[in-house]
């Protein structure tokens, strides 16, 4: 059950930028975040604050900042409440460069664990969470990689990620973009996939090519997507029979817009699995293991063109930071 905001809470006349900020550090398959409790709806974080918090030398270091806030306090949150009245909490996600992003699949799982710790969700049933990509539903699940049911490890969460689609409408499944990746000799075709945020998936021949790619600089995508794009490099690893049927496997690296290369990307894992499933054609598995530098997640194609992401979430530290004086 999700704990609703106190109906007697009165928002301040204007959000306040504090001098010192209590935060929590967490990650999902090493895609890491600074988490901020703003259930009172009282904080004003500037883009410069986000850049400071995520700076790995001057700040705490992370791929992004997640502020847990009342949905009623944000226009996008009120739209989520109109979609589902249970979406009382909103995941306000900011890229490391300070820009707002639609959502983050790994971040949703870490937000769920954060909400549990705060008492905003009891971990039972579903957590209904507002995001700029719409409502996301999260539930606790067993870790399918654990060697035994009682194995100790980080909790796993499954996120109903909503609809996915081929941006080109599925008319050219081989690729609708050309992608030049530093470290690879020639441009490669890329398939544009929308999972609430934009992705371009590029298939490589083998793991050696994947390791040769230099993602320190952003890959060049043509035609350039109007709002930028995450770029996933994938190596299909084949299919095998599992307890629940046929399962596919993919290895992936990702360059995230506004961040750079990250150890994992949840929406990117969904985009990569759905792209490889599209390329595989009729009879392809619905379930996929996606191996990223930070670990492994499970992606499942759901009926109605929707997709689910499951994986671990970890909280690693509490900190209080002094925010720098705005210039």
C-alpha atoms as a PDB file:
ATOM      1  CA  UNK A   1       0.000   0.000   0.000  1.00  0.00           C
ATOM      2  CA  UNK A   2       1.217   3.494  -0.830  1.00  0.00           C
ATOM      3  CA  UNK A   3       1.144   6.031   1.994  1.00  0.00           C
ATOM      4  CA  UNK A   4      -0.675   9.132   0.754  1.00  0.00           C
ATOM      5  CA  UNK A   5       0.546  12.658   1.429  1.00  0.00           C
ATOM      6  CA  UNK A   6      -0.881  14.297   4.529  1.00  0.00           C
ATOM      7  CA  UNK A   7      -4.024  16.115   3.308  1.00  0.00           C
ATOM      8  CA  UNK A   8      -3.382  18.843   5.883  1.00  0.00           C
ATOM      9  CA  UNK A   9       0.030  19.589   4.373  1.00  0.00           C
ATOM     10  CA  UNK A  10       0.215  23.141   3.080  1.00  0.00           C
ATOM     11  CA  UNK A  11       2.804  23.846   0.437  1.00  0.00           C
ATOM     12  CA  UNK A  12       5.019  26.868   1.089  1.00  0.00           C
ATOM     13  CA  UNK A  13       4.444  29.998  -0.950  1.00  0.00           C
ATOM     14  CA  UNK A  14       7.569  29.145  -2.908  1.00  0.00           C
ATOM     15  CA  UNK A  15       9.912  26.150  -2.810  1.00  0.00           C
ATOM     16  CA  UNK A  16      13.055  26.716  -0.769  1.00  0.00           C
ATOM     17  CA  UNK A  17      16.629  26.017  -1.849  1.00  0.00           C
ATOM     18  CA  UNK A  18      18.338  24.719   1.304  1.00  0.00           C
ATOM     19  CA  UNK A  19      21.944  25.390   2.234  1.00  0.00           C
ATOM     20  CA  UNK A  20      22.390  21.767   3.323  1.00  0.00           C
ATOM     21  CA  UNK A  21      20.618  18.797   1.766  1.00  0.00           C
ATOM     22  CA  UNK A  22      20.120  15.294   3.160  1.00  0.00           C
ATOM     23  CA  UNK A  23      20.352  12.677   0.407  1.00  0.00           C
ATOM     24  CA  UNK A  24      20.612   8.920  -0.110  1.00  0.00           C
ATOM     25  CA  UNK A  25      22.867   7.217  -2.669  1.00  0.00           C
ATOM     26  CA  UNK A  26      21.512   4.161  -4.497  1.00  0.00           C
ATOM     27  CA  UNK A  27      21.899   2.161  -7.670  1.00  0.00           C
ATOM     28  CA  UNK A  28      20.206  -0.380  -9.918  1.00  0.00           C
ATOM     29  CA  UNK A  29      22.801  -2.616 -11.632  1.00  0.00           C
ATOM     30  CA  UNK A  30      25.310   0.194 -10.938  1.00  0.00           C
ATOM     31  CA  UNK A  31      23.250   2.865 -12.707  1.00  0.00           C
ATOM     32  CA  UNK A  32      23.545   5.194  -9.712  1.00  0.00           C
ATOM     33  CA  UNK A  33      21.427   8.020  -8.345  1.00  0.00           C
ATOM     34  CA  UNK A  34      21.274  10.659  -5.642  1.00  0.00           C
ATOM     35  CA  UNK A  35      17.825  10.387  -4.037  1.00  0.00           C
ATOM     36  CA  UNK A  36      16.100  13.314  -2.335  1.00  0.00           C
ATOM     37  CA  UNK A  37      13.098  13.054  -0.015  1.00  0.00           C
ATOM     38  CA  UNK A  38      10.780  15.943  -0.890  1.00  0.00           C
ATOM     39  CA  UNK A  39       7.490  14.450   0.232  1.00  0.00           C
ATOM     40  CA  UNK A  40       6.725  17.858   1.755  1.00  0.00           C
ATOM     41  CA  UNK A  41       7.021  19.480  -1.680  1.00  0.00           C
ATOM     42  CA  UNK A  42       9.271  22.180  -0.241  1.00  0.00           C
ATOM     43  CA  UNK A  43      12.524  21.935  -2.209  1.00  0.00           C
ATOM     44  CA  UNK A  44      13.798  23.943  -5.141  1.00  0.00           C
ATOM     45  CA  UNK A  45      16.775  22.237  -6.803  1.00  0.00           C
ATOM     46  CA  UNK A  46      18.496  24.213  -9.527  1.00  0.00           C
ATOM     47  CA  UNK A  47      20.112  22.533 -12.564  1.00  0.00           C
ATOM     48  CA  UNK A  48      23.448  23.628 -11.070  1.00  0.00           C
ATOM     49  CA  UNK A  49      22.558  21.751  -7.858  1.00  0.00           C
ATOM     50  CA  UNK A  50      21.911  18.588  -9.857  1.00  0.00           C
ATOM     51  CA  UNK A  51      25.253  18.959 -11.632  1.00  0.00           C
ATOM     52  CA  UNK A  52      26.972  19.424  -8.267  1.00  0.00           C
ATOM     53  CA  UNK A  53      25.283  16.425  -6.646  1.00  0.00           C
ATOM     54  CA  UNK A  54      26.165  14.132  -9.558  1.00  0.00           C
ATOM     55  CA  UNK A  55      29.751  15.369  -9.953  1.00  0.00           C
ATOM     56  CA  UNK A  56      32.032  12.436  -9.112  1.00  0.00           C
ATOM     57  CA  UNK A  57      34.818  14.688  -7.840  1.00  0.00           C
ATOM     58  CA  UNK A  58      33.219  17.831  -6.420  1.00  0.00           C
ATOM     59  CA  UNK A  59      29.928  16.273  -5.298  1.00  0.00           C
ATOM     60  CA  UNK A  60      28.623  12.844  -4.304  1.00  0.00           C
ATOM     61  CA  UNK A  61      28.629  11.388  -7.818  1.00  0.00           C
ATOM     62  CA  UNK A  62      25.806   9.762  -9.778  1.00  0.00           C
ATOM     63  CA  UNK A  63      24.224   9.328 -13.193  1.00  0.00           C
ATOM     64  CA  UNK A  64      21.217  11.379 -12.101  1.00  0.00           C
ATOM     65  CA  UNK A  65      19.135  12.851  -9.282  1.00  0.00           C
ATOM     66  CA  UNK A  66      15.714  11.536  -8.242  1.00  0.00           C
ATOM     67  CA  UNK A  67      13.404  13.698  -6.122  1.00  0.00           C
ATOM     68  CA  UNK A  68      10.408  11.924  -4.573  1.00  0.00           C
ATOM     69  CA  UNK A  69       7.648  14.535  -4.448  1.00  0.00           C
ATOM     70  CA  UNK A  70       3.837  14.719  -4.281  1.00  0.00           C
ATOM     71  CA  UNK A  71       2.354  14.284  -7.746  1.00  0.00           C
ATOM     72  CA  UNK A  72      -0.150  17.036  -6.969  1.00  0.00           C
ATOM     73  CA  UNK A  73       2.694  19.571  -6.869  1.00  0.00           C
ATOM     74  CA  UNK A  74       3.798  19.108 -10.498  1.00  0.00           C
ATOM     75  CA  UNK A  75       1.849  19.549 -13.768  1.00  0.00           C
ATOM     76  CA  UNK A  76       3.143  16.191 -15.019  1.00  0.00           C
ATOM     77  CA  UNK A  77       2.227  14.644 -11.690  1.00  0.00           C
ATOM     78  CA  UNK A  78      -1.320  15.967 -11.868  1.00  0.00           C
ATOM     79  CA  UNK A  79      -1.611  14.366 -15.316  1.00  0.00           C
ATOM     80  CA  UNK A  80      -0.529  11.060 -13.735  1.00  0.00           C
ATOM     81  CA  UNK A  81      -3.143  11.472 -11.001  1.00  0.00           C
ATOM     82  CA  UNK A  82      -5.762  11.952 -13.703  1.00  0.00           C
ATOM     83  CA  UNK A  83      -4.576   8.656 -15.212  1.00  0.00           C
ATOM     84  CA  UNK A  84      -4.530   6.831 -11.860  1.00  0.00           C
ATOM     85  CA  UNK A  85      -5.508   8.410  -8.542  1.00  0.00           C
ATOM     86  CA  UNK A  86      -3.144   6.019  -6.748  1.00  0.00           C
ATOM     87  CA  UNK A  87      -0.101   7.762  -8.270  1.00  0.00           C
ATOM     88  CA  UNK A  88       0.267  10.080  -5.281  1.00  0.00           C
ATOM     89  CA  UNK A  89       4.086  10.155  -5.490  1.00  0.00           C
ATOM     90  CA  UNK A  90       6.114  11.476  -8.415  1.00  0.00           C
ATOM     91  CA  UNK A  91       9.629  10.498  -9.496  1.00  0.00           C
ATOM     92  CA  UNK A  92      11.197  13.785 -10.591  1.00  0.00           C
ATOM     93  CA  UNK A  93      14.248  12.532 -12.494  1.00  0.00           C
ATOM     94  CA  UNK A  94      17.095  14.790 -13.625  1.00  0.00           C
ATOM     95  CA  UNK A  95      20.020  13.801 -15.840  1.00  0.00           C
ATOM     96  CA  UNK A  96      23.517  14.540 -14.587  1.00  0.00           C
ATOM     97  CA  UNK A  97      23.672  17.661 -16.792  1.00  0.00           C
ATOM     98  CA  UNK A  98      20.685  19.122 -14.916  1.00  0.00           C
ATOM     99  CA  UNK A  99      18.056  18.515 -17.603  1.00  0.00           C
ATOM    100  CA  UNK A 100      14.738  16.862 -16.810  1.00  0.00           C
ATOM    101  CA  UNK A 101      14.210  13.373 -18.262  1.00  0.00           C
ATOM    102  CA  UNK A 102      11.039  11.425 -18.949  1.00  0.00           C
ATOM    103  CA  UNK A 103      11.909   8.542 -16.636  1.00  0.00           C
ATOM    104  CA  UNK A 104      14.511   5.891 -15.877  1.00  0.00           C
ATOM    105  CA  UNK A 105      13.813   2.176 -15.543  1.00  0.00           C
ATOM    106  CA  UNK A 106      16.635   1.461 -13.109  1.00  0.00           C
ATOM    107  CA  UNK A 107      15.716   4.641 -11.267  1.00  0.00           C
ATOM    108  CA  UNK A 108      12.111   3.509 -10.819  1.00  0.00           C
ATOM    109  CA  UNK A 109      13.304   0.380  -9.011  1.00  0.00           C
ATOM    110  CA  UNK A 110      15.643   2.351  -6.758  1.00  0.00           C
ATOM    111  CA  UNK A 111      12.846   4.855  -6.091  1.00  0.00           C
ATOM    112  CA  UNK A 112      10.617   1.963  -5.013  1.00  0.00           C
ATOM    113  CA  UNK A 113      13.230   0.812  -2.491  1.00  0.00           C
ATOM    114  CA  UNK A 114      13.658   4.437  -1.324  1.00  0.00           C
ATOM    115  CA  UNK A 115       9.875   4.780  -0.893  1.00  0.00           C
ATOM    116  CA  UNK A 116       9.854   1.577   1.192  1.00  0.00           C
ATOM    117  CA  UNK A 117      12.591   2.920   3.424  1.00  0.00           C
ATOM    118  CA  UNK A 118      10.729   6.220   3.909  1.00  0.00           C
ATOM    119  CA  UNK A 119       7.473   4.422   4.730  1.00  0.00           C
ATOM    120  CA  UNK A 120       5.758   5.859   1.670  1.00  0.00           C
ATOM    121  CA  UNK A 121       5.111   2.289   0.445  1.00  0.00           C
ATOM    122  CA  UNK A 122       4.810  -0.884   2.489  1.00  0.00           C
ATOM    123  CA  UNK A 123       6.325  -3.136  -0.212  1.00  0.00           C
ATOM    124  CA  UNK A 124       3.096  -5.082  -0.654  1.00  0.00           C
ATOM    125  CA  UNK A 125       0.929  -4.956  -3.754  1.00  0.00           C
ATOM    126  CA  UNK A 126       1.903  -2.281  -6.259  1.00  0.00           C
ATOM    127  CA  UNK A 127       3.620   1.057  -5.913  1.00  0.00           C
ATOM    128  CA  UNK A 128       1.946   3.361  -8.420  1.00  0.00           C
ATOM    129  CA  UNK A 129       4.450   6.045  -9.329  1.00  0.00           C
ATOM    130  CA  UNK A 130       4.098   9.155 -11.467  1.00  0.00           C
ATOM    131  CA  UNK A 131       6.815   9.965 -14.023  1.00  0.00           C
ATOM    132  CA  UNK A 132       7.120  12.320 -16.989  1.00  0.00           C
ATOM    133  CA  UNK A 133       6.511   9.276 -19.190  1.00  0.00           C
ATOM    134  CA  UNK A 134       3.255   8.495 -17.374  1.00  0.00           C
ATOM    135  CA  UNK A 135       2.283   6.126 -14.572  1.00  0.00           C
ATOM    136  CA  UNK A 136       4.624   3.256 -13.713  1.00  0.00           C
ATOM    137  CA  UNK A 137       3.644   0.295 -11.517  1.00  0.00           C
ATOM    138  CA  UNK A 138       6.227  -1.498  -9.401  1.00  0.00           C
ATOM    139  CA  UNK A 139       6.056  -4.736  -7.413  1.00  0.00           C
ATOM    140  CA  UNK A 140       8.515  -6.775  -5.391  1.00  0.00           C
ATOM    141  CA  UNK A 141       9.528 -10.071  -7.036  1.00  0.00           C
ATOM    142  CA  UNK A 142      11.858 -12.962  -6.262  1.00  0.00           C
ATOM    143  CA  UNK A 143      15.379 -12.692  -7.614  1.00  0.00           C
ATOM    144  CA  UNK A 144      15.389 -15.182 -10.530  1.00  0.00           C
ATOM    145  CA  UNK A 145      19.214 -15.290 -10.503  1.00  0.00           C
ATOM    146  CA  UNK A 146      19.413 -16.438  -6.863  1.00  0.00           C
ATOM    147  CA  UNK A 147      20.695 -20.024  -6.467  1.00  0.00           C
ATOM    148  CA  UNK A 148      18.054 -20.708  -3.819  1.00  0.00           C
ATOM    149  CA  UNK A 149      14.806 -19.133  -2.709  1.00  0.00           C
ATOM    150  CA  UNK A 150      16.354 -18.094   0.599  1.00  0.00           C
ATOM    151  CA  UNK A 151      19.557 -16.638  -0.900  1.00  0.00           C
ATOM    152  CA  UNK A 152      20.536 -13.268   0.539  1.00  0.00           C
ATOM    153  CA  UNK A 153      20.879 -10.464  -1.981  1.00  0.00           C
ATOM    154  CA  UNK A 154      19.438  -7.108  -2.975  1.00  0.00           C
ATOM    155  CA  UNK A 155      15.667  -7.050  -3.466  1.00  0.00           C
ATOM    156  CA  UNK A 156      14.317  -7.292  -7.006  1.00  0.00           C
ATOM    157  CA  UNK A 157      11.518  -5.147  -8.377  1.00  0.00           C
ATOM    158  CA  UNK A 158       9.504  -5.538 -11.575  1.00  0.00           C
ATOM    159  CA  UNK A 159       8.364  -2.361 -13.320  1.00  0.00           C
ATOM    160  CA  UNK A 160       5.538  -2.273 -15.842  1.00  0.00           C
ATOM    161  CA  UNK A 161       7.274   0.119 -18.222  1.00  0.00           C
ATOM    162  CA  UNK A 162       4.311   0.890 -20.457  1.00  0.00           C
ATOM    163  CA  UNK A 163       4.169   0.735 -24.230  1.00  0.00           C
ATOM    164  CA  UNK A 164       7.175   0.408 -26.487  1.00  0.00           C
ATOM    165  CA  UNK A 165       7.169   1.159 -30.195  1.00  0.00           C
ATOM    166  CA  UNK A 166       9.376   1.372 -33.223  1.00  0.00           C
ATOM    167  CA  UNK A 167       9.639   5.078 -33.995  1.00  0.00           C
ATOM    168  CA  UNK A 168       9.656   4.379 -37.735  1.00  0.00           C
ATOM    169  CA  UNK A 169       6.342   2.566 -37.424  1.00  0.00           C
ATOM    170  CA  UNK A 170       7.865  -0.853 -38.068  1.00  0.00           C
ATOM    171  CA  UNK A 171       8.229  -0.289 -41.802  1.00  0.00           C
ATOM    172  CA  UNK A 172      12.018  -0.657 -41.736  1.00  0.00           C
ATOM    173  CA  UNK A 173      12.980  -3.012 -38.929  1.00  0.00           C
ATOM    174  CA  UNK A 174      16.569  -3.317 -40.168  1.00  0.00           C
ATOM    175  CA  UNK A 175      17.228   0.283 -39.163  1.00  0.00           C
ATOM    176  CA  UNK A 176      15.970   3.815 -39.684  1.00  0.00           C
ATOM    177  CA  UNK A 177      19.105   5.706 -38.604  1.00  0.00           C
ATOM    178  CA  UNK A 178      22.834   5.689 -39.236  1.00  0.00           C
ATOM    179  CA  UNK A 179      25.085   5.664 -36.171  1.00  0.00           C
ATOM    180  CA  UNK A 180      28.788   6.418 -36.047  1.00  0.00           C
ATOM    181  CA  UNK A 181      30.412   5.118 -32.875  1.00  0.00           C
ATOM    182  CA  UNK A 182      33.926   6.186 -31.952  1.00  0.00           C
ATOM    183  CA  UNK A 183      36.271   3.212 -32.039  1.00  0.00           C
ATOM    184  CA  UNK A 184      34.317   1.366 -34.740  1.00  0.00           C
ATOM    185  CA  UNK A 185      35.539   1.779 -38.322  1.00  0.00           C
ATOM    186  CA  UNK A 186      32.257   2.348 -40.156  1.00  0.00           C
ATOM    187  CA  UNK A 187      28.792   3.725 -39.402  1.00  0.00           C
ATOM    188  CA  UNK A 188      26.156   1.134 -38.483  1.00  0.00           C
ATOM    189  CA  UNK A 189      22.389   1.013 -38.956  1.00  0.00           C
ATOM    190  CA  UNK A 190      20.380   1.850 -35.842  1.00  0.00           C
ATOM    191  CA  UNK A 191      16.775   1.046 -34.962  1.00  0.00           C
ATOM    192  CA  UNK A 192      14.841   3.814 -33.179  1.00  0.00           C
ATOM    193  CA  UNK A 193      12.787   2.512 -30.248  1.00  0.00           C
ATOM    194  CA  UNK A 194      10.594   4.565 -27.912  1.00  0.00           C
ATOM    195  CA  UNK A 195      10.109   3.276 -24.340  1.00  0.00           C
ATOM    196  CA  UNK A 196       8.728   6.513 -22.950  1.00  0.00           C
ATOM    197  CA  UNK A 197      12.091   8.060 -23.855  1.00  0.00           C
ATOM    198  CA  UNK A 198      14.117   7.817 -27.098  1.00  0.00           C
ATOM    199  CA  UNK A 199      16.619   5.062 -27.924  1.00  0.00           C
ATOM    200  CA  UNK A 200      18.658   4.013 -30.933  1.00  0.00           C
ATOM    201  CA  UNK A 201      19.769   0.369 -30.893  1.00  0.00           C
ATOM    202  CA  UNK A 202      22.802  -0.791 -32.887  1.00  0.00           C
ATOM    203  CA  UNK A 203      23.621  -4.486 -33.365  1.00  0.00           C
ATOM    204  CA  UNK A 204      27.303  -5.481 -33.359  1.00  0.00           C
ATOM    205  CA  UNK A 205      28.897  -8.660 -34.656  1.00  0.00           C
ATOM    206  CA  UNK A 206      30.561  -9.847 -31.469  1.00  0.00           C
ATOM    207  CA  UNK A 207      31.785  -8.961 -28.006  1.00  0.00           C
ATOM    208  CA  UNK A 208      35.143  -7.798 -29.379  1.00  0.00           C
ATOM    209  CA  UNK A 209      33.387  -5.035 -31.307  1.00  0.00           C
ATOM    210  CA  UNK A 210      31.384  -4.155 -28.220  1.00  0.00           C
ATOM    211  CA  UNK A 211      34.572  -3.786 -26.178  1.00  0.00           C
ATOM    212  CA  UNK A 212      36.291  -1.756 -28.930  1.00  0.00           C
ATOM    213  CA  UNK A 213      33.585   0.924 -28.956  1.00  0.00           C
ATOM    214  CA  UNK A 214      34.535   4.230 -27.325  1.00  0.00           C
ATOM    215  CA  UNK A 215      31.477   5.667 -25.606  1.00  0.00           C
ATOM    216  CA  UNK A 216      33.326   8.471 -23.842  1.00  0.00           C
ATOM    217  CA  UNK A 217      32.014  10.675 -26.655  1.00  0.00           C
ATOM    218  CA  UNK A 218      28.388  10.621 -27.795  1.00  0.00           C
ATOM    219  CA  UNK A 219      27.737   8.493 -30.888  1.00  0.00           C
ATOM    220  CA  UNK A 220      26.611  10.529 -33.898  1.00  0.00           C
ATOM    221  CA  UNK A 221      23.082   9.619 -35.004  1.00  0.00           C
ATOM    222  CA  UNK A 222      21.696  10.648 -38.387  1.00  0.00           C
ATOM    223  CA  UNK A 223      19.055  11.886 -38.802  1.00  0.00           C
ATOM    224  CA  UNK A 224      19.479  13.509 -35.402  1.00  0.00           C
ATOM    225  CA  UNK A 225      16.445  12.850 -33.141  1.00  0.00           C
ATOM    226  CA  UNK A 226      14.766  16.141 -32.140  1.00  0.00           C
ATOM    227  CA  UNK A 227      15.152  15.529 -28.400  1.00  0.00           C
ATOM    228  CA  UNK A 228      18.380  13.540 -28.493  1.00  0.00           C
ATOM    229  CA  UNK A 229      18.617   9.799 -27.930  1.00  0.00           C
ATOM    230  CA  UNK A 230      20.232   7.122 -25.818  1.00  0.00           C
ATOM    231  CA  UNK A 231      22.358   4.780 -27.937  1.00  0.00           C
ATOM    232  CA  UNK A 232      22.534   1.066 -27.094  1.00  0.00           C
ATOM    233  CA  UNK A 233      25.197  -1.206 -28.590  1.00  0.00           C
ATOM    234  CA  UNK A 234      24.059  -4.826 -28.442  1.00  0.00           C
ATOM    235  CA  UNK A 235      25.433  -8.264 -29.188  1.00  0.00           C
ATOM    236  CA  UNK A 236      22.745 -10.963 -29.437  1.00  0.00           C
ATOM    237  CA  UNK A 237      23.881 -14.088 -27.572  1.00  0.00           C
ATOM    238  CA  UNK A 238      21.215 -16.481 -28.795  1.00  0.00           C
ATOM    239  CA  UNK A 239      18.321 -18.264 -27.141  1.00  0.00           C
ATOM    240  CA  UNK A 240      17.926 -21.164 -24.743  1.00  0.00           C
ATOM    241  CA  UNK A 241      15.184 -23.079 -22.970  1.00  0.00           C
ATOM    242  CA  UNK A 242      14.358 -21.934 -19.451  1.00  0.00           C
ATOM    243  CA  UNK A 243      11.856 -23.101 -16.807  1.00  0.00           C
ATOM    244  CA  UNK A 244       9.173 -20.856 -18.335  1.00  0.00           C
ATOM    245  CA  UNK A 245      10.010 -21.419 -22.003  1.00  0.00           C
ATOM    246  CA  UNK A 246      12.371 -19.889 -24.522  1.00  0.00           C
ATOM    247  CA  UNK A 247      14.657 -17.096 -23.234  1.00  0.00           C
ATOM    248  CA  UNK A 248      16.911 -14.784 -25.224  1.00  0.00           C
ATOM    249  CA  UNK A 249      20.162 -13.181 -24.116  1.00  0.00           C
ATOM    250  CA  UNK A 250      21.814  -9.902 -25.073  1.00  0.00           C
ATOM    251  CA  UNK A 251      24.975  -8.110 -23.985  1.00  0.00           C
ATOM    252  CA  UNK A 252      24.739  -4.302 -24.016  1.00  0.00           C
ATOM    253  CA  UNK A 253      26.602  -1.041 -23.479  1.00  0.00           C
ATOM    254  CA  UNK A 254      24.877   2.348 -23.500  1.00  0.00           C
ATOM    255  CA  UNK A 255      25.578   6.040 -23.944  1.00  0.00           C
ATOM    256  CA  UNK A 256      22.837   8.055 -22.219  1.00  0.00           C
ATOM    257  CA  UNK A 257      21.966  11.531 -23.438  1.00  0.00           C
ATOM    258  CA  UNK A 258      22.906  14.175 -20.914  1.00  0.00           C
ATOM    259  CA  UNK A 259      25.051  11.714 -18.947  1.00  0.00           C
ATOM    260  CA  UNK A 260      27.556   9.715 -21.047  1.00  0.00           C
ATOM    261  CA  UNK A 261      28.292   6.012 -20.791  1.00  0.00           C
ATOM    262  CA  UNK A 262      26.599   4.424 -17.780  1.00  0.00           C
ATOM    263  CA  UNK A 263      26.966   1.005 -16.224  1.00  0.00           C
ATOM    264  CA  UNK A 264      23.340   0.213 -16.994  1.00  0.00           C
ATOM    265  CA  UNK A 265      20.153   1.733 -18.412  1.00  0.00           C
ATOM    266  CA  UNK A 266      16.760   0.215 -17.656  1.00  0.00           C
ATOM    267  CA  UNK A 267      14.801   1.742 -20.524  1.00  0.00           C
ATOM    268  CA  UNK A 268      17.823   1.005 -22.728  1.00  0.00           C
ATOM    269  CA  UNK A 269      17.703  -2.665 -21.737  1.00  0.00           C
ATOM    270  CA  UNK A 270      14.020  -2.734 -22.726  1.00  0.00           C
ATOM    271  CA  UNK A 271      14.769  -1.028 -26.039  1.00  0.00           C
ATOM    272  CA  UNK A 272      17.665  -3.392 -26.755  1.00  0.00           C
ATOM    273  CA  UNK A 273      15.650  -6.536 -25.973  1.00  0.00           C
ATOM    274  CA  UNK A 274      12.675  -5.409 -28.034  1.00  0.00           C
ATOM    275  CA  UNK A 275      14.928  -4.472 -30.969  1.00  0.00           C
ATOM    276  CA  UNK A 276      16.671  -7.868 -30.933  1.00  0.00           C
ATOM    277  CA  UNK A 277      13.286  -9.578 -30.575  1.00  0.00           C
ATOM    278  CA  UNK A 278      12.074  -7.625 -33.623  1.00  0.00           C
ATOM    279  CA  UNK A 279      15.145  -8.651 -35.629  1.00  0.00           C
ATOM    280  CA  UNK A 280      14.682 -12.301 -34.589  1.00  0.00           C
ATOM    281  CA  UNK A 281      11.205 -12.359 -36.149  1.00  0.00           C
ATOM    282  CA  UNK A 282       8.323 -14.754 -35.612  1.00  0.00           C
ATOM    283  CA  UNK A 283       8.770 -17.191 -32.755  1.00  0.00           C
ATOM    284  CA  UNK A 284      11.273 -14.995 -30.880  1.00  0.00           C
ATOM    285  CA  UNK A 285      11.208 -15.235 -27.069  1.00  0.00           C
ATOM    286  CA  UNK A 286       9.174 -12.831 -24.974  1.00  0.00           C
ATOM    287  CA  UNK A 287      11.666 -13.035 -22.069  1.00  0.00           C
ATOM    288  CA  UNK A 288      15.231 -11.709 -22.335  1.00  0.00           C
ATOM    289  CA  UNK A 289      18.268 -11.508 -20.103  1.00  0.00           C
ATOM    290  CA  UNK A 290      20.160  -8.278 -20.739  1.00  0.00           C
ATOM    291  CA  UNK A 291      23.744  -8.272 -19.459  1.00  0.00           C
ATOM    292  CA  UNK A 292      25.218  -4.816 -18.833  1.00  0.00           C
ATOM    293  CA  UNK A 293      28.546  -3.809 -17.236  1.00  0.00           C
ATOM    294  CA  UNK A 294      26.740  -3.330 -13.901  1.00  0.00           C
ATOM    295  CA  UNK A 295      24.921  -6.665 -13.806  1.00  0.00           C
ATOM    296  CA  UNK A 296      21.890  -8.366 -15.341  1.00  0.00           C
ATOM    297  CA  UNK A 297      18.236  -7.403 -15.724  1.00  0.00           C
ATOM    298  CA  UNK A 298      15.264  -9.285 -17.127  1.00  0.00           C
ATOM    299  CA  UNK A 299      13.035  -7.799 -19.827  1.00  0.00           C
ATOM    300  CA  UNK A 300       9.682  -9.340 -20.759  1.00  0.00           C
ATOM    301  CA  UNK A 301       7.396  -8.436 -23.649  1.00  0.00           C
ATOM    302  CA  UNK A 302       3.815  -8.184 -22.364  1.00  0.00           C
ATOM    303  CA  UNK A 303       0.546  -8.410 -24.289  1.00  0.00           C
ATOM    304  CA  UNK A 304      -0.652  -5.226 -25.933  1.00  0.00           C
ATOM    305  CA  UNK A 305       2.792  -3.976 -26.932  1.00  0.00           C
ATOM    306  CA  UNK A 306       3.931  -3.302 -23.371  1.00  0.00           C
ATOM    307  CA  UNK A 307       7.147  -4.309 -21.632  1.00  0.00           C
ATOM    308  CA  UNK A 308       8.293  -5.166 -18.104  1.00  0.00           C
ATOM    309  CA  UNK A 309      11.722  -4.620 -16.569  1.00  0.00           C
ATOM    310  CA  UNK A 310      12.889  -6.555 -13.500  1.00  0.00           C
ATOM    311  CA  UNK A 311      16.127  -6.169 -11.595  1.00  0.00           C
ATOM    312  CA  UNK A 312      17.784  -5.384  -8.268  1.00  0.00           C
ATOM    313  CA  UNK A 313      17.903  -2.132  -6.307  1.00  0.00           C
ATOM    314  CA  UNK A 314      20.410  -1.107  -3.638  1.00  0.00           C
ATOM    315  CA  UNK A 315      20.761   1.826  -1.219  1.00  0.00           C
ATOM    316  CA  UNK A 316      24.381   2.296  -0.228  1.00  0.00           C
ATOM    317  CA  UNK A 317      24.830   5.555   1.718  1.00  0.00           C
ATOM    318  CA  UNK A 318      23.272   8.500   3.531  1.00  0.00           C
ATOM    319  CA  UNK A 319      24.872  11.909   3.282  1.00  0.00           C
ATOM    320  CA  UNK A 320      24.313  15.582   4.056  1.00  0.00           C
ATOM    321  CA  UNK A 321      25.824  17.938   1.494  1.00  0.00           C
ATOM    322  CA  UNK A 322      26.380  21.675   1.586  1.00  0.00           C
ATOM    323  CA  UNK A 323      25.013  23.078  -1.661  1.00  0.00           C
ATOM    324  CA  UNK A 324      27.330  25.612  -3.307  1.00  0.00           C
ATOM    325  CA  UNK A 325      26.296  29.255  -3.482  1.00  0.00           C
ATOM    326  CA  UNK A 326      24.598  29.924  -6.846  1.00  0.00           C
ATOM    327  CA  UNK A 327      26.815  31.942  -9.164  1.00  0.00           C
END
